[in-house]
């Protein structure tokens, strides 16, 4: 399986495609990350890729797989990423 691209590799690819410096491309990536962190509470969408969503999970009873003992898992808030249909179609191929 191929390795994931590093931040510098992504920045280099963006820089080459858009005729800007690698430093400018890295700054753009940092700006997008900052925007996503600040706006995740209200849902942050990257058009064509997906959206970050804040979800409240309910408290539930889980089971320890080693002992079979029941344990209470408290309610918590988690961040999820929902992949856009356009991204799914581009990666998996349209049905």
C-alpha atoms as a PDB file:
ATOM      1  CA  UNK A   1       0.000   0.000   0.000  1.00  0.00           C
ATOM      2  CA  UNK A   2       1.321   3.459  -0.867  1.00  0.00           C
ATOM      3  CA  UNK A   3       2.339   5.894   1.857  1.00  0.00           C
ATOM      4  CA  UNK A   4       0.194   8.928   2.618  1.00  0.00           C
ATOM      5  CA  UNK A   5       1.421  12.289   1.344  1.00  0.00           C
ATOM      6  CA  UNK A   6       3.142  14.522   3.863  1.00  0.00           C
ATOM      7  CA  UNK A   7       2.184  18.158   4.356  1.00  0.00           C
ATOM      8  CA  UNK A   8       5.263  19.307   2.430  1.00  0.00           C
ATOM      9  CA  UNK A   9       4.430  16.969  -0.470  1.00  0.00           C
ATOM     10  CA  UNK A  10       0.860  18.297  -0.617  1.00  0.00           C
ATOM     11  CA  UNK A  11       2.162  21.885  -0.468  1.00  0.00           C
ATOM     12  CA  UNK A  12       4.659  21.146  -3.268  1.00  0.00           C
ATOM     13  CA  UNK A  13       1.911  19.667  -5.471  1.00  0.00           C
ATOM     14  CA  UNK A  14      -0.350  22.689  -4.870  1.00  0.00           C
ATOM     15  CA  UNK A  15       2.553  25.063  -5.563  1.00  0.00           C
ATOM     16  CA  UNK A  16       3.415  23.347  -8.855  1.00  0.00           C
ATOM     17  CA  UNK A  17      -0.198  23.251 -10.050  1.00  0.00           C
ATOM     18  CA  UNK A  18      -0.938  26.908  -9.230  1.00  0.00           C
ATOM     19  CA  UNK A  19       2.435  28.558  -9.972  1.00  0.00           C
ATOM     20  CA  UNK A  20       3.019  29.755  -6.405  1.00  0.00           C
ATOM     21  CA  UNK A  21       5.833  29.113  -3.943  1.00  0.00           C
ATOM     22  CA  UNK A  22       5.847  26.132  -1.599  1.00  0.00           C
ATOM     23  CA  UNK A  23       5.813  28.538   1.337  1.00  0.00           C
ATOM     24  CA  UNK A  24       2.630  30.224   0.061  1.00  0.00           C
ATOM     25  CA  UNK A  25       0.990  26.819  -0.493  1.00  0.00           C
ATOM     26  CA  UNK A  26       1.900  25.737   3.056  1.00  0.00           C
ATOM     27  CA  UNK A  27       0.408  28.980   4.422  1.00  0.00           C
ATOM     28  CA  UNK A  28      -2.818  28.300   2.514  1.00  0.00           C
ATOM     29  CA  UNK A  29      -3.008  24.805   4.033  1.00  0.00           C
ATOM     30  CA  UNK A  30      -2.428  26.262   7.518  1.00  0.00           C
ATOM     31  CA  UNK A  31      -5.175  28.845   6.943  1.00  0.00           C
ATOM     32  CA  UNK A  32      -7.631  26.147   5.880  1.00  0.00           C
ATOM     33  CA  UNK A  33      -6.783  24.132   9.017  1.00  0.00           C
ATOM     34  CA  UNK A  34      -7.293  27.153  11.276  1.00  0.00           C
ATOM     35  CA  UNK A  35     -10.669  27.868   9.648  1.00  0.00           C
ATOM     36  CA  UNK A  36     -11.710  24.236  10.111  1.00  0.00           C
ATOM     37  CA  UNK A  37     -10.735  24.243  13.809  1.00  0.00           C
ATOM     38  CA  UNK A  38     -12.579  27.504  14.509  1.00  0.00           C
ATOM     39  CA  UNK A  39     -15.757  26.576  12.634  1.00  0.00           C
ATOM     40  CA  UNK A  40     -16.078  22.837  13.372  1.00  0.00           C
ATOM     41  CA  UNK A  41     -18.736  23.580  16.010  1.00  0.00           C
ATOM     42  CA  UNK A  42     -21.005  24.981  13.280  1.00  0.00           C
ATOM     43  CA  UNK A  43     -19.993  22.401  10.631  1.00  0.00           C
ATOM     44  CA  UNK A  44     -17.060  23.166   8.340  1.00  0.00           C
ATOM     45  CA  UNK A  45     -17.397  22.160   4.685  1.00  0.00           C
ATOM     46  CA  UNK A  46     -14.584  21.639   2.206  1.00  0.00           C
ATOM     47  CA  UNK A  47     -16.453  21.749  -1.127  1.00  0.00           C
ATOM     48  CA  UNK A  48     -16.016  18.546  -3.114  1.00  0.00           C
ATOM     49  CA  UNK A  49     -14.250  16.768  -0.240  1.00  0.00           C
ATOM     50  CA  UNK A  50     -16.564  16.616   2.775  1.00  0.00           C
ATOM     51  CA  UNK A  51     -17.492  18.279   6.047  1.00  0.00           C
ATOM     52  CA  UNK A  52     -16.393  18.296   9.684  1.00  0.00           C
ATOM     53  CA  UNK A  53     -19.350  17.779  12.018  1.00  0.00           C
ATOM     54  CA  UNK A  54     -19.559  17.924  15.805  1.00  0.00           C
ATOM     55  CA  UNK A  55     -21.704  15.032  17.095  1.00  0.00           C
ATOM     56  CA  UNK A  56     -23.060  14.313  20.588  1.00  0.00           C
ATOM     57  CA  UNK A  57     -22.795  10.638  21.516  1.00  0.00           C
ATOM     58  CA  UNK A  58     -25.189   9.199  24.098  1.00  0.00           C
ATOM     59  CA  UNK A  59     -24.033   7.369  27.216  1.00  0.00           C
ATOM     60  CA  UNK A  60     -24.106   3.596  26.712  1.00  0.00           C
ATOM     61  CA  UNK A  61     -23.174   0.283  28.239  1.00  0.00           C
ATOM     62  CA  UNK A  62     -20.149  -1.395  26.689  1.00  0.00           C
ATOM     63  CA  UNK A  63     -18.429  -4.696  27.335  1.00  0.00           C
ATOM     64  CA  UNK A  64     -14.810  -5.419  28.207  1.00  0.00           C
ATOM     65  CA  UNK A  65     -13.772  -7.972  25.563  1.00  0.00           C
ATOM     66  CA  UNK A  66     -11.166  -9.599  27.825  1.00  0.00           C
ATOM     67  CA  UNK A  67     -13.406 -10.248  30.843  1.00  0.00           C
ATOM     68  CA  UNK A  68     -16.926  -9.823  29.467  1.00  0.00           C
ATOM     69  CA  UNK A  69     -17.632  -7.306  32.239  1.00  0.00           C
ATOM     70  CA  UNK A  70     -20.168  -4.547  31.520  1.00  0.00           C
ATOM     71  CA  UNK A  71     -18.853  -0.985  31.752  1.00  0.00           C
ATOM     72  CA  UNK A  72     -20.611   2.357  31.471  1.00  0.00           C
ATOM     73  CA  UNK A  73     -19.313   4.602  28.698  1.00  0.00           C
ATOM     74  CA  UNK A  74     -20.164   8.268  29.379  1.00  0.00           C
ATOM     75  CA  UNK A  75     -21.752  10.657  26.880  1.00  0.00           C
ATOM     76  CA  UNK A  76     -19.263  12.757  24.911  1.00  0.00           C
ATOM     77  CA  UNK A  77     -18.866  15.063  21.947  1.00  0.00           C
ATOM     78  CA  UNK A  78     -16.807  13.851  18.992  1.00  0.00           C
ATOM     79  CA  UNK A  79     -15.704  15.315  15.670  1.00  0.00           C
ATOM     80  CA  UNK A  80     -16.595  13.315  12.558  1.00  0.00           C
ATOM     81  CA  UNK A  81     -15.702  13.819   8.916  1.00  0.00           C
ATOM     82  CA  UNK A  82     -18.447  13.061   6.398  1.00  0.00           C
ATOM     83  CA  UNK A  83     -17.102  12.411   2.924  1.00  0.00           C
ATOM     84  CA  UNK A  84     -18.915  14.207   0.094  1.00  0.00           C
ATOM     85  CA  UNK A  85     -20.650  12.216  -2.627  1.00  0.00           C
ATOM     86  CA  UNK A  86     -18.413  13.824  -5.263  1.00  0.00           C
ATOM     87  CA  UNK A  87     -15.313  12.549  -3.432  1.00  0.00           C
ATOM     88  CA  UNK A  88     -16.755   9.045  -3.086  1.00  0.00           C
ATOM     89  CA  UNK A  89     -17.593   8.929  -6.790  1.00  0.00           C
ATOM     90  CA  UNK A  90     -14.148  10.219  -7.793  1.00  0.00           C
ATOM     91  CA  UNK A  91     -12.325   7.678  -5.598  1.00  0.00           C
ATOM     92  CA  UNK A  92     -14.545   4.602  -5.947  1.00  0.00           C
ATOM     93  CA  UNK A  93     -16.013   5.326  -9.352  1.00  0.00           C
ATOM     94  CA  UNK A  94     -19.633   6.217 -10.016  1.00  0.00           C
ATOM     95  CA  UNK A  95     -22.116   3.345  -9.945  1.00  0.00           C
END
